[in-house]
Every structure is written in C-alpha cells, then in structure tokens.
C-alpha cells in the first residue's frame, strides 16, 4: 500500500467510527498515527486527493495500572504473541483485549 493509500484508508476507517478512541502503549505509536492521518509526508497535491480529515480522534497513552497488568497477563498467556511484541498488529490486539477486560466487556479467566 502506498503512503497515500494508507492515509486514505485510515481516514476512511476513522470517519466511519463515531468518536474514535485510540489507545497506545508507546508515545511514538501516537506520533506515527498522527503523521499518517495528517498525510504530513505527502505533497499538497497528493494530500488534496485524500478526502477530509476525521473530525475527532481521541488518543491516550496507556497509564491505567489495571490495564497495564492485564496487558502483561495477556502476553504471559499468549507466549507466541509475546515473542512478536511491538509488532503493530500484535500490540493492537493485546491492547484491545486488555481494554475489553478492564472495562468489563469480557470476563477475565484466571
């Protein structure tokens, strides 16, 4: 996927989510996300073809103690994923599971 396609796909995805909320465990993740959404690496002509920016994207660094603990538990319980930690999709899935568990959307197995 080209840079422009990635920006367009991410903008389209985010525009389809009411009040998107993005959680990250590392500050650079949010910087990279912002860079892709903004298309800051594209020329003005390329950026003009991408469509409008999403209205509001809430971002937050993982600072919740319970969520951090559940994230570590998830990686402990999933050693094959633990070995791939910091791969974007692996971290995204782990953060999603930690968020679901700590917000009571899924049960936490002992």
PDB file of N, CA and C in Angstrom:
ATOM      1  N   UNK A   1       0.856  -1.169   0.000  1.00  0.00           N
ATOM      2  CA  UNK A   1       0.000   0.000   0.000  1.00  0.00           C
ATOM      3  C   UNK A   1       0.904   1.234   0.000  1.00  0.00           C
ATOM      4  N   UNK A   2       0.589   2.175  -0.851  1.00  0.00           N
ATOM      5  CA  UNK A   2       1.393   3.403  -0.899  1.00  0.00           C
ATOM      6  C   UNK A   2       1.068   4.283   0.308  1.00  0.00           C
ATOM      7  N   UNK A   3       1.896   5.315   0.530  1.00  0.00           N
ATOM      8  CA  UNK A   3       1.654   6.240   1.640  1.00  0.00           C
ATOM      9  C   UNK A   3       0.278   6.889   1.515  1.00  0.00           C
ATOM     10  N   UNK A   4      -0.049   7.345   0.318  1.00  0.00           N
ATOM     11  CA  UNK A   4      -1.343   7.984   0.095  1.00  0.00           C
ATOM     12  C   UNK A   4      -2.500   7.026   0.333  1.00  0.00           C
ATOM     13  N   UNK A   5      -2.355   5.788  -0.127  1.00  0.00           N
ATOM     14  CA  UNK A   5      -3.412   4.788   0.088  1.00  0.00           C
ATOM     15  C   UNK A   5      -3.593   4.503   1.572  1.00  0.00           C
ATOM     16  N   UNK A   6      -2.484   4.449   2.304  1.00  0.00           N
ATOM     17  CA  UNK A   6      -2.560   4.189   3.736  1.00  0.00           C
ATOM     18  C   UNK A   6      -3.288   5.345   4.442  1.00  0.00           C
ATOM     19  N   UNK A   7      -2.941   6.568   4.109  1.00  0.00           N
ATOM     20  CA  UNK A   7      -3.604   7.723   4.710  1.00  0.00           C
ATOM     21  C   UNK A   7      -5.086   7.723   4.365  1.00  0.00           C
ATOM     22  N   UNK A   8      -5.413   7.469   3.098  1.00  0.00           N
ATOM     23  CA  UNK A   8      -6.806   7.462   2.677  1.00  0.00           C
ATOM     24  C   UNK A   8      -7.592   6.363   3.394  1.00  0.00           C
ATOM     25  N   UNK A   9      -7.024   5.171   3.479  1.00  0.00           N
ATOM     26  CA  UNK A   9      -7.708   4.055   4.137  1.00  0.00           C
ATOM     27  C   UNK A   9      -7.915   4.338   5.622  1.00  0.00           C
ATOM     28  N   UNK A  10      -6.921   4.906   6.283  1.00  0.00           N
ATOM     29  CA  UNK A  10      -7.047   5.211   7.703  1.00  0.00           C
ATOM     30  C   UNK A  10      -8.077   6.316   7.936  1.00  0.00           C
ATOM     31  N   UNK A  11      -8.057   7.345   7.111  1.00  0.00           N
ATOM     32  CA  UNK A  11      -9.052   8.412   7.239  1.00  0.00           C
ATOM     33  C   UNK A  11     -10.461   7.859   7.029  1.00  0.00           C
ATOM     34  N   UNK A  12     -10.617   7.040   6.011  1.00  0.00           N
ATOM     35  CA  UNK A  12     -11.934   6.456   5.721  1.00  0.00           C
ATOM     36  C   UNK A  12     -12.414   5.609   6.897  1.00  0.00           C
ATOM     37  N   UNK A  13     -11.524   4.792   7.444  1.00  0.00           N
ATOM     38  CA  UNK A  13     -11.875   3.960   8.591  1.00  0.00           C
ATOM     39  C   UNK A  13     -12.295   4.816   9.777  1.00  0.00           C
ATOM     40  N   UNK A  14     -11.490   5.825  10.101  1.00  0.00           N
ATOM     41  CA  UNK A  14     -11.770   6.669  11.259  1.00  0.00           C
ATOM     42  C   UNK A  14     -13.048   7.493  11.076  1.00  0.00           C
ATOM     43  N   UNK A  15     -13.333   7.923   9.841  1.00  0.00           N
ATOM     44  CA  UNK A  15     -14.570   8.670   9.599  1.00  0.00           C
ATOM     45  C   UNK A  15     -15.798   7.784   9.806  1.00  0.00           C
ATOM     46  N   UNK A  16     -15.631   6.474   9.674  1.00  0.00           N
ATOM     47  CA  UNK A  16     -16.740   5.548   9.841  1.00  0.00           C
ATOM     48  C   UNK A  16     -16.999   5.144  11.280  1.00  0.00           C
ATOM     49  N   UNK A  17     -16.184   5.631  12.196  1.00  0.00           N
ATOM     50  CA  UNK A  17     -16.325   5.282  13.613  1.00  0.00           C
ATOM     51  C   UNK A  17     -16.742   6.538  14.373  1.00  0.00           C
ATOM     52  N   UNK A  18     -17.925   6.520  14.996  1.00  0.00           N
ATOM     53  CA  UNK A  18     -18.307   7.700  15.767  1.00  0.00           C
ATOM     54  C   UNK A  18     -17.378   7.854  16.980  1.00  0.00           C
ATOM     55  N   UNK A  19     -16.807   8.998  17.133  1.00  0.00           N
ATOM     56  CA  UNK A  19     -15.907   9.310  18.249  1.00  0.00           C
ATOM     57  C   UNK A  19     -14.821   8.249  18.437  1.00  0.00           C
ATOM     58  N   UNK A  20     -13.950   8.073  17.434  1.00  0.00           N
ATOM     59  CA  UNK A  20     -12.902   7.055  17.580  1.00  0.00           C
ATOM     60  C   UNK A  20     -11.983   7.356  18.759  1.00  0.00           C
ATOM     61  N   UNK A  21     -11.574   6.301  19.422  1.00  0.00           N
ATOM     62  CA  UNK A  21     -10.725   6.388  20.609  1.00  0.00           C
ATOM     63  C   UNK A  21      -9.561   5.439  20.386  1.00  0.00           C
ATOM     64  N   UNK A  22      -8.359   5.962  20.408  1.00  0.00           N
ATOM     65  CA  UNK A  22      -7.183   5.153  20.117  1.00  0.00           C
ATOM     66  C   UNK A  22      -6.278   5.143  21.338  1.00  0.00           C
ATOM     67  N   UNK A  23      -5.919   3.951  21.756  1.00  0.00           N
ATOM     68  CA  UNK A  23      -5.083   3.746  22.920  1.00  0.00           C
ATOM     69  C   UNK A  23      -3.724   3.225  22.454  1.00  0.00           C
ATOM     70  N   UNK A  24      -2.661   3.725  23.026  1.00  0.00           N
ATOM     71  CA  UNK A  24      -1.313   3.285  22.651  1.00  0.00           C
ATOM     72  C   UNK A  24      -0.499   3.014  23.907  1.00  0.00           C
ATOM     73  N   UNK A  25       0.505   2.167  23.768  1.00  0.00           N
ATOM     74  CA  UNK A  25       1.376   1.878  24.909  1.00  0.00           C
ATOM     75  C   UNK A  25       2.753   2.513  24.746  1.00  0.00           C
ATOM     76  N   UNK A  26       2.942   3.261  23.676  1.00  0.00           N
ATOM     77  CA  UNK A  26       4.237   3.895  23.437  1.00  0.00           C
ATOM     78  C   UNK A  26       3.989   5.224  22.724  1.00  0.00           C
ATOM     79  N   UNK A  27       4.583   6.322  23.183  1.00  0.00           N
ATOM     80  CA  UNK A  27       4.303   7.639  22.603  1.00  0.00           C
ATOM     81  C   UNK A  27       4.536   7.717  21.096  1.00  0.00           C
ATOM     82  N   UNK A  28       5.527   7.021  20.597  1.00  0.00           N
ATOM     83  CA  UNK A  28       5.806   7.092  19.166  1.00  0.00           C
ATOM     84  C   UNK A  28       4.666   6.507  18.340  1.00  0.00           C
ATOM     85  N   UNK A  29       3.910   5.557  18.901  1.00  0.00           N
ATOM     86  CA  UNK A  29       2.762   4.996  18.184  1.00  0.00           C
ATOM     87  C   UNK A  29       1.767   6.095  17.829  1.00  0.00           C
ATOM     88  N   UNK A  30       1.508   6.987  18.776  1.00  0.00           N
ATOM     89  CA  UNK A  30       0.559   8.072  18.523  1.00  0.00           C
ATOM     90  C   UNK A  30       1.134   9.097  17.552  1.00  0.00           C
ATOM     91  N   UNK A  31       2.434   9.343  17.636  1.00  0.00           N
ATOM     92  CA  UNK A  31       3.065  10.263  16.679  1.00  0.00           C
ATOM     93  C   UNK A  31       2.968   9.709  15.262  1.00  0.00           C
ATOM     94  N   UNK A  32       3.238   8.422  15.109  1.00  0.00           N
ATOM     95  CA  UNK A  32       3.149   7.809  13.781  1.00  0.00           C
ATOM     96  C   UNK A  32       1.712   7.808  13.264  1.00  0.00           C
ATOM     97  N   UNK A  33       0.769   7.492  14.131  1.00  0.00           N
ATOM     98  CA  UNK A  33      -0.639   7.534  13.747  1.00  0.00           C
ATOM     99  C   UNK A  33      -1.011   8.925  13.249  1.00  0.00           C
ATOM    100  N   UNK A  34      -0.671   9.927  14.029  1.00  0.00           N
ATOM    101  CA  UNK A  34      -0.993  11.306  13.658  1.00  0.00           C
ATOM    102  C   UNK A  34      -0.362  11.669  12.314  1.00  0.00           C
ATOM    103  N   UNK A  35       0.869  11.230  12.122  1.00  0.00           N
ATOM    104  CA  UNK A  35       1.568  11.532  10.861  1.00  0.00           C
ATOM    105  C   UNK A  35       0.860  10.906   9.672  1.00  0.00           C
ATOM    106  N   UNK A  36       0.404   9.669   9.831  1.00  0.00           N
ATOM    107  CA  UNK A  36      -0.296   9.001   8.737  1.00  0.00           C
ATOM    108  C   UNK A  36      -1.651   9.657   8.484  1.00  0.00           C
ATOM    109  N   UNK A  37      -2.410   9.918   9.544  1.00  0.00           N
ATOM    110  CA  UNK A  37      -3.735  10.532   9.376  1.00  0.00           C
ATOM    111  C   UNK A  37      -3.614  11.897   8.707  1.00  0.00           C
ATOM    112  N   UNK A  38      -2.658  12.682   9.141  1.00  0.00           N
ATOM    113  CA  UNK A  38      -2.474  14.019   8.578  1.00  0.00           C
ATOM    114  C   UNK A  38      -1.910  13.990   7.164  1.00  0.00           C
ATOM    115  N   UNK A  39      -1.245  12.901   6.800  1.00  0.00           N
ATOM    116  CA  UNK A  39      -0.609  12.846   5.491  1.00  0.00           C
ATOM    117  C   UNK A  39       0.549  13.821   5.395  1.00  0.00           C
ATOM    118  N   UNK A  40       1.217  14.069   6.522  1.00  0.00           N
ATOM    119  CA  UNK A  40       2.250  15.103   6.594  1.00  0.00           C
ATOM    120  C   UNK A  40       3.456  14.833   5.703  1.00  0.00           C
ATOM    121  N   UNK A  41       3.610  13.626   5.242  1.00  0.00           N
ATOM    122  CA  UNK A  41       4.747  13.271   4.385  1.00  0.00           C
ATOM    123  C   UNK A  41       4.391  13.386   2.908  1.00  0.00           C
ATOM    124  N   UNK A  42       3.150  13.756   2.579  1.00  0.00           N
ATOM    125  CA  UNK A  42       2.691  13.843   1.201  1.00  0.00           C
ATOM    126  C   UNK A  42       2.792  15.269   0.675  1.00  0.00           C
ATOM    127  N   UNK A  43       2.862  15.403  -0.625  1.00  0.00           N
ATOM    128  CA  UNK A  43       2.843  16.732  -1.222  1.00  0.00           C
ATOM    129  C   UNK A  43       1.429  17.310  -1.095  1.00  0.00           C
ATOM    130  N   UNK A  44       1.290  18.611  -1.264  1.00  0.00           N
ATOM    131  CA  UNK A  44      -0.028  19.243  -1.177  1.00  0.00           C
ATOM    132  C   UNK A  44      -0.987  18.655  -2.209  1.00  0.00           C
ATOM    133  N   UNK A  45      -0.485  18.387  -3.411  1.00  0.00           N
ATOM    134  CA  UNK A  45      -1.338  17.821  -4.459  1.00  0.00           C
ATOM    135  C   UNK A  45      -1.820  16.423  -4.075  1.00  0.00           C
ATOM    136  N   UNK A  46      -0.938  15.613  -3.522  1.00  0.00           N
ATOM    137  CA  UNK A  46      -1.325  14.271  -3.090  1.00  0.00           C
ATOM    138  C   UNK A  46      -2.327  14.353  -1.943  1.00  0.00           C
ATOM    139  N   UNK A  47      -2.078  15.248  -1.000  1.00  0.00           N
ATOM    140  CA  UNK A  47      -2.935  15.372   0.172  1.00  0.00           C
ATOM    141  C   UNK A  47      -4.334  15.831  -0.221  1.00  0.00           C
ATOM    142  N   UNK A  48      -4.443  16.672  -1.245  1.00  0.00           N
ATOM    143  CA  UNK A  48      -5.741  17.191  -1.678  1.00  0.00           C
ATOM    144  C   UNK A  48      -6.653  16.081  -2.195  1.00  0.00           C
ATOM    145  N   UNK A  49      -6.089  14.998  -2.670  1.00  0.00           N
ATOM    146  CA  UNK A  49      -6.875  13.890  -3.219  1.00  0.00           C
ATOM    147  C   UNK A  49      -7.363  12.904  -2.160  1.00  0.00           C
ATOM    148  N   UNK A  50      -7.018  13.099  -0.917  1.00  0.00           N
ATOM    149  CA  UNK A  50      -7.269  12.087   0.104  1.00  0.00           C
ATOM    150  C   UNK A  50      -8.599  12.198   0.824  1.00  0.00           C
ATOM    151  N   UNK A  51      -9.305  13.268   0.634  1.00  0.00           N
ATOM    152  CA  UNK A  51     -10.556  13.426   1.369  1.00  0.00           C
ATOM    153  C   UNK A  51     -10.313  14.118   2.694  1.00  0.00           C
ATOM    154  N   UNK A  52     -11.407  14.467   3.324  1.00  0.00           N
ATOM    155  CA  UNK A  52     -11.309  15.261   4.546  1.00  0.00           C
ATOM    156  C   UNK A  52     -10.730  14.464   5.711  1.00  0.00           C
ATOM    157  N   UNK A  53     -10.179  15.208   6.636  1.00  0.00           N
ATOM    158  CA  UNK A  53      -9.643  14.625   7.866  1.00  0.00           C
ATOM    159  C   UNK A  53     -10.808  14.162   8.737  1.00  0.00           C
ATOM    160  N   UNK A  54     -10.614  13.131   9.540  1.00  0.00           N
ATOM    161  CA  UNK A  54     -11.649  12.758  10.517  1.00  0.00           C
ATOM    162  C   UNK A  54     -11.866  13.920  11.487  1.00  0.00           C
ATOM    163  N   UNK A  55     -13.106  14.079  11.946  1.00  0.00           N
ATOM    164  CA  UNK A  55     -13.451  15.196  12.827  1.00  0.00           C
ATOM    165  C   UNK A  55     -12.705  15.161  14.151  1.00  0.00           C
ATOM    166  N   UNK A  56     -12.811  14.050  14.860  1.00  0.00           N
ATOM    167  CA  UNK A  56     -12.228  13.981  16.191  1.00  0.00           C
ATOM    168  C   UNK A  56     -11.677  12.587  16.421  1.00  0.00           C
ATOM    169  N   UNK A  57     -10.438  12.525  16.788  1.00  0.00           N
ATOM    170  CA  UNK A  57      -9.815  11.261  17.160  1.00  0.00           C
ATOM    171  C   UNK A  57      -9.218  11.464  18.541  1.00  0.00           C
ATOM    172  N   UNK A  58      -9.720  10.728  19.522  1.00  0.00           N
ATOM    173  CA  UNK A  58      -9.197  10.806  20.870  1.00  0.00           C
ATOM    174  C   UNK A  58      -8.074   9.799  21.008  1.00  0.00           C
ATOM    175  N   UNK A  59      -6.949  10.231  21.506  1.00  0.00           N
ATOM    176  CA  UNK A  59      -5.820   9.336  21.721  1.00  0.00           C
ATOM    177  C   UNK A  59      -5.407   9.397  23.178  1.00  0.00           C
ATOM    178  N   UNK A  60      -4.885   8.305  23.659  1.00  0.00           N
ATOM    179  CA  UNK A  60      -4.461   8.258  25.055  1.00  0.00           C
ATOM    180  C   UNK A  60      -3.333   7.251  25.216  1.00  0.00           C
ATOM    181  N   UNK A  61      -2.398   7.603  26.066  1.00  0.00           N
ATOM    182  CA  UNK A  61      -1.337   6.676  26.423  1.00  0.00           C
ATOM    183  C   UNK A  61      -1.843   5.736  27.508  1.00  0.00           C
ATOM    184  N   UNK A  62      -1.418   4.504  27.449  1.00  0.00           N
ATOM    185  CA  UNK A  62      -1.784   3.516  28.454  1.00  0.00           C
ATOM    186  C   UNK A  62      -1.102   3.869  29.768  1.00  0.00           C
ATOM    187  N   UNK A  63      -1.887   4.281  30.746  1.00  0.00           N
ATOM    188  CA  UNK A  63      -1.346   4.639  32.052  1.00  0.00           C
ATOM    189  C   UNK A  63      -2.130   3.974  33.187  1.00  0.00           C
ATOM    190  N   UNK A  64      -3.189   3.298  32.859  1.00  0.00           N
ATOM    191  CA  UNK A  64      -4.038   2.660  33.855  1.00  0.00           C
ATOM    192  C   UNK A  64      -3.344   1.417  34.400  1.00  0.00           C
ATOM    193  N   UNK A  65      -3.217   1.350  35.727  1.00  0.00           N
ATOM    194  CA  UNK A  65      -2.489   0.247  36.366  1.00  0.00           C
ATOM    195  C   UNK A  65      -3.133  -1.118  36.099  1.00  0.00           C
ATOM    196  N   UNK A  66      -4.456  -1.192  36.214  1.00  0.00           N
ATOM    197  CA  UNK A  66      -5.154  -2.469  35.980  1.00  0.00           C
ATOM    198  C   UNK A  66      -5.001  -2.909  34.528  1.00  0.00           C
ATOM    199  N   UNK A  67      -5.115  -1.972  33.616  1.00  0.00           N
ATOM    200  CA  UNK A  67      -4.990  -2.315  32.200  1.00  0.00           C
ATOM    201  C   UNK A  67      -3.566  -2.742  31.870  1.00  0.00           C
ATOM    202  N   UNK A  68      -2.588  -2.060  32.421  1.00  0.00           N
ATOM    203  CA  UNK A  68      -1.190  -2.445  32.206  1.00  0.00           C
ATOM    204  C   UNK A  68      -0.939  -3.859  32.721  1.00  0.00           C
ATOM    205  N   UNK A  69      -1.504  -4.173  33.887  1.00  0.00           N
ATOM    206  CA  UNK A  69      -1.337  -5.515  34.458  1.00  0.00           C
ATOM    207  C   UNK A  69      -2.002  -6.556  33.577  1.00  0.00           C
ATOM    208  N   UNK A  70      -3.220  -6.254  33.077  1.00  0.00           N
ATOM    209  CA  UNK A  70      -3.894  -7.224  32.221  1.00  0.00           C
ATOM    210  C   UNK A  70      -3.159  -7.402  30.912  1.00  0.00           C
ATOM    211  N   UNK A  71      -2.569  -6.344  30.393  1.00  0.00           N
ATOM    212  CA  UNK A  71      -1.781  -6.434  29.161  1.00  0.00           C
ATOM    213  C   UNK A  71      -0.622  -7.405  29.358  1.00  0.00           C
ATOM    214  N   UNK A  72       0.083  -7.278  30.476  1.00  0.00           N
ATOM    215  CA  UNK A  72       1.194  -8.190  30.760  1.00  0.00           C
ATOM    216  C   UNK A  72       0.690  -9.621  30.944  1.00  0.00           C
ATOM    217  N   UNK A  73      -0.465  -9.763  31.590  1.00  0.00           N
ATOM    218  CA  UNK A  73      -1.065 -11.093  31.757  1.00  0.00           C
ATOM    219  C   UNK A  73      -1.389 -11.696  30.398  1.00  0.00           C
ATOM    220  N   UNK A  74      -1.936 -10.901  29.504  1.00  0.00           N
ATOM    221  CA  UNK A  74      -2.290 -11.390  28.166  1.00  0.00           C
ATOM    222  C   UNK A  74      -1.046 -11.893  27.437  1.00  0.00           C
ATOM    223  N   UNK A  75       0.024 -11.116  27.486  1.00  0.00           N
ATOM    224  CA  UNK A  75       1.256 -11.564  26.821  1.00  0.00           C
ATOM    225  C   UNK A  75       1.811 -12.824  27.490  1.00  0.00           C
ATOM    226  N   UNK A  76       1.690 -12.916  28.808  1.00  0.00           N
ATOM    227  CA  UNK A  76       2.148 -14.117  29.522  1.00  0.00           C
ATOM    228  C   UNK A  76       1.342 -15.345  29.078  1.00  0.00           C
ATOM    229  N   UNK A  77       0.049 -15.162  28.887  1.00  0.00           N
ATOM    230  CA  UNK A  77      -0.835 -16.265  28.483  1.00  0.00           C
ATOM    231  C   UNK A  77      -0.744 -16.596  26.996  1.00  0.00           C
ATOM    232  N   UNK A  78      -0.136 -15.727  26.240  1.00  0.00           N
ATOM    233  CA  UNK A  78      -0.003 -15.905  24.784  1.00  0.00           C
ATOM    234  C   UNK A  78       1.458 -15.792  24.380  1.00  0.00           C
ATOM    235  N   UNK A  79       2.267 -16.795  24.737  1.00  0.00           N
ATOM    236  CA  UNK A  79       3.715 -16.685  24.503  1.00  0.00           C
ATOM    237  C   UNK A  79       4.100 -16.515  23.035  1.00  0.00           C
ATOM    238  N   UNK A  80       3.318 -17.068  22.118  1.00  0.00           N
ATOM    239  CA  UNK A  80       3.663 -16.891  20.706  1.00  0.00           C
ATOM    240  C   UNK A  80       3.531 -15.426  20.300  1.00  0.00           C
ATOM    241  N   UNK A  81       2.572 -14.721  20.891  1.00  0.00           N
ATOM    242  CA  UNK A  81       2.412 -13.298  20.615  1.00  0.00           C
ATOM    243  C   UNK A  81       3.442 -12.476  21.383  1.00  0.00           C
ATOM    244  N   UNK A  82       3.801 -12.935  22.561  1.00  0.00           N
ATOM    245  CA  UNK A  82       4.794 -12.230  23.366  1.00  0.00           C
ATOM    246  C   UNK A  82       6.112 -12.111  22.606  1.00  0.00           C
ATOM    247  N   UNK A  83       6.459 -13.158  21.870  1.00  0.00           N
ATOM    248  CA  UNK A  83       7.684 -13.133  21.078  1.00  0.00           C
ATOM    249  C   UNK A  83       7.637 -12.147  19.923  1.00  0.00           C
ATOM    250  N   UNK A  84       6.429 -11.716  19.565  1.00  0.00           N
ATOM    251  CA  UNK A  84       6.255 -10.760  18.461  1.00  0.00           C
ATOM    252  C   UNK A  84       5.839  -9.380  18.979  1.00  0.00           C
ATOM    253  N   UNK A  85       5.985  -9.183  20.274  1.00  0.00           N
ATOM    254  CA  UNK A  85       5.579  -7.925  20.895  1.00  0.00           C
ATOM    255  C   UNK A  85       6.217  -6.738  20.180  1.00  0.00           C
ATOM    256  N   UNK A  86       5.488  -5.668  20.100  1.00  0.00           N
ATOM    257  CA  UNK A  86       5.848  -4.413  19.438  1.00  0.00           C
ATOM    258  C   UNK A  86       5.627  -4.454  17.936  1.00  0.00           C
ATOM    259  N   UNK A  87       5.147  -5.566  17.413  1.00  0.00           N
ATOM    260  CA  UNK A  87       4.615  -5.587  16.051  1.00  0.00           C
ATOM    261  C   UNK A  87       3.265  -4.879  16.158  1.00  0.00           C
ATOM    262  N   UNK A  88       2.963  -3.988  15.266  1.00  0.00           N
ATOM    263  CA  UNK A  88       1.775  -3.137  15.400  1.00  0.00           C
ATOM    264  C   UNK A  88       0.491  -3.930  15.615  1.00  0.00           C
ATOM    265  N   UNK A  89       0.258  -4.971  14.835  1.00  0.00           N
ATOM    266  CA  UNK A  89      -0.995  -5.715  14.973  1.00  0.00           C
ATOM    267  C   UNK A  89      -1.034  -6.531  16.259  1.00  0.00           C
ATOM    268  N   UNK A  90       0.100  -7.061  16.666  1.00  0.00           N
ATOM    269  CA  UNK A  90       0.166  -7.819  17.920  1.00  0.00           C
ATOM    270  C   UNK A  90      -0.164  -6.902  19.092  1.00  0.00           C
ATOM    271  N   UNK A  91       0.465  -5.740  19.142  1.00  0.00           N
ATOM    272  CA  UNK A  91       0.200  -4.788  20.221  1.00  0.00           C
ATOM    273  C   UNK A  91      -1.245  -4.297  20.177  1.00  0.00           C
ATOM    274  N   UNK A  92      -1.770  -4.053  18.980  1.00  0.00           N
ATOM    275  CA  UNK A  92      -3.154  -3.586  18.863  1.00  0.00           C
ATOM    276  C   UNK A  92      -4.121  -4.628  19.422  1.00  0.00           C
ATOM    277  N   UNK A  93      -3.922  -5.882  19.087  1.00  0.00           N
ATOM    278  CA  UNK A  93      -4.796  -6.942  19.606  1.00  0.00           C
ATOM    279  C   UNK A  93      -4.665  -7.082  21.119  1.00  0.00           C
ATOM    280  N   UNK A  94      -3.449  -7.012  21.626  1.00  0.00           N
ATOM    281  CA  UNK A  94      -3.236  -7.127  23.070  1.00  0.00           C
ATOM    282  C   UNK A  94      -3.881  -5.956  23.810  1.00  0.00           C
ATOM    283  N   UNK A  95      -3.709  -4.749  23.307  1.00  0.00           N
ATOM    284  CA  UNK A  95      -4.324  -3.582  23.933  1.00  0.00           C
ATOM    285  C   UNK A  95      -5.845  -3.671  23.889  1.00  0.00           C
ATOM    286  N   UNK A  96      -6.375  -4.162  22.781  1.00  0.00           N
ATOM    287  CA  UNK A  96      -7.828  -4.323  22.671  1.00  0.00           C
ATOM    288  C   UNK A  96      -8.331  -5.297  23.725  1.00  0.00           C
ATOM    289  N   UNK A  97      -7.652  -6.423  23.878  1.00  0.00           N
ATOM    290  CA  UNK A  97      -8.071  -7.415  24.860  1.00  0.00           C
ATOM    291  C   UNK A  97      -7.965  -6.853  26.279  1.00  0.00           C
ATOM    292  N   UNK A  98      -6.905  -6.114  26.565  1.00  0.00           N
ATOM    293  CA  UNK A  98      -6.749  -5.511  27.890  1.00  0.00           C
ATOM    294  C   UNK A  98      -7.857  -4.495  28.153  1.00  0.00           C
ATOM    295  N   UNK A  99      -8.188  -3.700  27.156  1.00  0.00           N
ATOM    296  CA  UNK A  99      -9.259  -2.719  27.302  1.00  0.00           C
ATOM    297  C   UNK A  99     -10.603  -3.410  27.513  1.00  0.00           C
ATOM    298  N   UNK A 100     -10.888  -4.455  26.724  1.00  0.00           N
ATOM    299  CA  UNK A 100     -12.139  -5.199  26.877  1.00  0.00           C
ATOM    300  C   UNK A 100     -12.246  -5.813  28.277  1.00  0.00           C
ATOM    301  N   UNK A 101     -11.147  -6.347  28.772  1.00  0.00           N
ATOM    302  CA  UNK A 101     -11.157  -6.985  30.092  1.00  0.00           C
ATOM    303  C   UNK A 101     -11.337  -5.968  31.205  1.00  0.00           C
ATOM    304  N   UNK A 102     -10.605  -4.875  31.158  1.00  0.00           N
ATOM    305  CA  UNK A 102     -10.667  -3.916  32.256  1.00  0.00           C
ATOM    306  C   UNK A 102     -11.941  -3.078  32.248  1.00  0.00           C
ATOM    307  N   UNK A 103     -12.618  -3.018  31.125  1.00  0.00           N
ATOM    308  CA  UNK A 103     -13.890  -2.289  31.072  1.00  0.00           C
ATOM    309  C   UNK A 103     -15.080  -3.222  31.270  1.00  0.00           C
ATOM    310  N   UNK A 104     -14.797  -4.499  31.561  1.00  0.00           N
ATOM    311  CA  UNK A 104     -15.868  -5.444  31.849  1.00  0.00           C
ATOM    312  C   UNK A 104     -16.628  -5.939  30.644  1.00  0.00           C
ATOM    313  N   UNK A 105     -16.098  -5.722  29.464  1.00  0.00           N
ATOM    314  CA  UNK A 105     -16.772  -6.179  28.243  1.00  0.00           C
ATOM    315  C   UNK A 105     -16.549  -7.672  27.990  1.00  0.00           C
ATOM    316  N   UNK A 106     -15.464  -8.214  28.549  1.00  0.00           N
ATOM    317  CA  UNK A 106     -15.224  -9.658  28.525  1.00  0.00           C
ATOM    318  C   UNK A 106     -14.797 -10.085  29.915  1.00  0.00           C
ATOM    319  N   UNK A 107     -15.032 -11.352  30.229  1.00  0.00           N
ATOM    320  CA  UNK A 107     -14.601 -11.878  31.528  1.00  0.00           C
ATOM    321  C   UNK A 107     -13.111 -12.184  31.492  1.00  0.00           C
ATOM    322  N   UNK A 108     -12.512 -12.102  32.648  1.00  0.00           N
ATOM    323  CA  UNK A 108     -11.087 -12.415  32.772  1.00  0.00           C
ATOM    324  C   UNK A 108     -10.972 -13.802  33.389  1.00  0.00           C
ATOM    325  N   UNK A 109     -10.364 -14.700  32.620  1.00  0.00           N
ATOM    326  CA  UNK A 109     -10.173 -16.064  33.115  1.00  0.00           C
ATOM    327  C   UNK A 109      -8.955 -16.098  34.018  1.00  0.00           C
ATOM    328  N   UNK A 110      -9.061 -16.834  35.085  1.00  0.00           N
ATOM    329  CA  UNK A 110      -7.911 -16.967  36.000  1.00  0.00           C
ATOM    330  C   UNK A 110      -6.986 -18.053  35.512  1.00  0.00           C
TER     331      UNK A 110
END
